Amino acid sequence: MNSFVKFLLIIATGSIKFLFAPPLSFGFGFNFLQTWAFTSVGGVLGVLFFFFLGRFILKLYSKYYRQAFKDKVHQFADSIGKLHLAEKFFPKKSKNFTWQNKLIARIKKRWGFIGIVILTPVLFSIPIGTLLALSLYSDRKYLPLYLSASVVAWSLVLSSSIAIF
């Protein structure tokens, strides 16, 4: 297999499931510094991609599907006498505590911001961890920088531990 194809495969693996990228890189015959660089680049590119994609999705969600939009639809439908149609397509309901909401609250309470940033590359995977951090801590100014620093640090730890053994 061509070295460039191997490089791209390591970058892609590092951006999606970071934990598998260092063993893959060493399996392809790359040395420690190459492995650290390739997995770091892949992880940081994954963080940036999913951060900006997640921000875009959250903006669309808040613009079109939040309660404010539903309230405006209800007001408009009530003013033209078609409230029954608005309630059919946009029913008003209170906040339900689903298992997903409880899980997110438990994660936020148990690990907090630092825990999510540290555990994102190895436990949550880059896409899930980045979107989770973005949804819970979107007000943090340097969130992509923190996530990228975590990726580079974990890349060093994983590459070193694999190189030693």
Foldseek 3Di string as FASTA:
>chain_A
DDPVVLLVVLLQCLLFQLLVNLVSCVVVPDALVSSLVSSLNSNLVSLVVLLVVLVVVVVVCVVDPDVVNLVVLCVVCVVVVNNVVSCVVPNDDDDDCDPVNVVLVCCCVPQNLLRLLLCDNHPVTNNRSSSSNCVVPVVDDCVSVSNSVNSSVVSNVSSVVVNVD
